[in-house]
Amino acid sequence: MFSLAQIFIPNLSFIDPKLSNTKIRTVFISNEYPECFEKIGENYVIREYDTLEDITIKDLSNPK
């Protein structure tokens, strides 16, 4: 699986109270595209992080 999207919650203009303790949400997707409304786990996973302590920041720039 590879990371499709990563959202830094504190930077959002509106934060639902249910996400007030969440720092990052990441969506991982497999090479096989998931079906609409497919259960989580087979072809995609959503991970939620409430702290940045164990997060590794990587430079993923694409050189020209």
Protein backbone atom coordinates (compact mmCIF):
# COMPACT_ATOMS: atom_id res chain seq x y z
CA MET A 1 0.00 0.00 0.00
CA PHE A 2 1.13 3.54 -0.64
CA SER A 3 0.06 6.84 0.86
CA LEU A 4 -2.68 8.47 -1.21
CA ALA A 5 -3.37 11.45 1.04
CA GLN A 6 -2.20 12.88 4.33
CA ILE A 7 -4.13 15.56 6.18
CA PHE A 8 -2.64 17.66 8.97
CA ILE A 9 -5.79 18.31 11.00
CA PRO A 10 -4.60 21.41 12.96
CA ASN A 11 -4.21 23.32 9.65
CA LEU A 12 -7.86 22.90 8.68
CA SER A 13 -10.09 25.97 8.85
CA PHE A 14 -12.79 23.97 10.67
CA ILE A 15 -12.17 21.01 12.99
CA ASP A 16 -15.04 18.83 14.11
CA PRO A 17 -14.90 18.29 17.89
CA LYS A 18 -14.55 14.54 17.25
CA LEU A 19 -11.18 15.27 15.62
CA SER A 20 -9.92 17.70 18.24
CA ASN A 21 -7.27 15.25 19.52
CA THR A 22 -6.22 14.06 16.06
CA LYS A 23 -3.07 15.48 14.46
CA ILE A 24 -2.79 13.55 11.17
CA ARG A 25 -4.98 11.27 9.08
CA THR A 26 -3.41 9.24 6.30
CA VAL A 27 -5.16 7.24 3.59
CA PHE A 28 -3.22 4.27 2.19
CA ILE A 29 -4.37 2.52 -0.98
CA SER A 30 -3.26 -0.69 -2.71
CA ASN A 31 -2.43 -1.14 -6.38
CA GLU A 32 -5.86 -2.68 -6.85
CA TYR A 33 -8.34 0.17 -6.68
CA PRO A 34 -11.05 -0.44 -4.03
CA GLU A 35 -14.70 -0.87 -4.96
CA CYS A 36 -17.19 1.80 -3.93
CA PHE A 37 -18.14 1.32 -0.25
CA GLU A 38 -15.68 -1.56 0.14
CA LYS A 39 -14.81 -2.49 3.75
CA ILE A 40 -11.61 -0.98 5.07
CA GLY A 41 -8.56 -3.20 5.21
CA GLU A 42 -8.39 -5.10 1.93
CA ASN A 43 -7.50 -2.39 -0.59
CA TYR A 44 -7.30 0.73 1.56
CA VAL A 45 -6.59 1.75 5.15
CA ILE A 46 -7.11 5.01 7.03
CA ARG A 47 -4.69 5.66 9.89
CA GLU A 48 -5.15 8.33 12.51
CA TYR A 49 -2.38 9.78 14.68
CA ASP A 50 -3.00 11.78 17.84
CA THR A 51 0.63 12.73 18.43
CA LEU A 52 3.54 13.76 16.22
CA GLU A 53 6.20 12.16 18.45
CA ASP A 54 6.83 9.09 16.27
CA ILE A 55 6.15 10.76 12.92
CA THR A 56 9.13 10.93 10.54
CA ILE A 57 9.09 13.87 8.16
CA LYS A 58 10.56 12.99 4.76
CA ASP A 59 11.46 15.20 1.85
CA LEU A 60 9.46 13.69 -0.99
CA SER A 61 10.17 16.34 -3.59
CA ASN A 62 10.30 15.34 -7.22
CA PRO A 63 13.42 16.73 -8.90
CA LYS A 64 12.88 18.16 -12.40
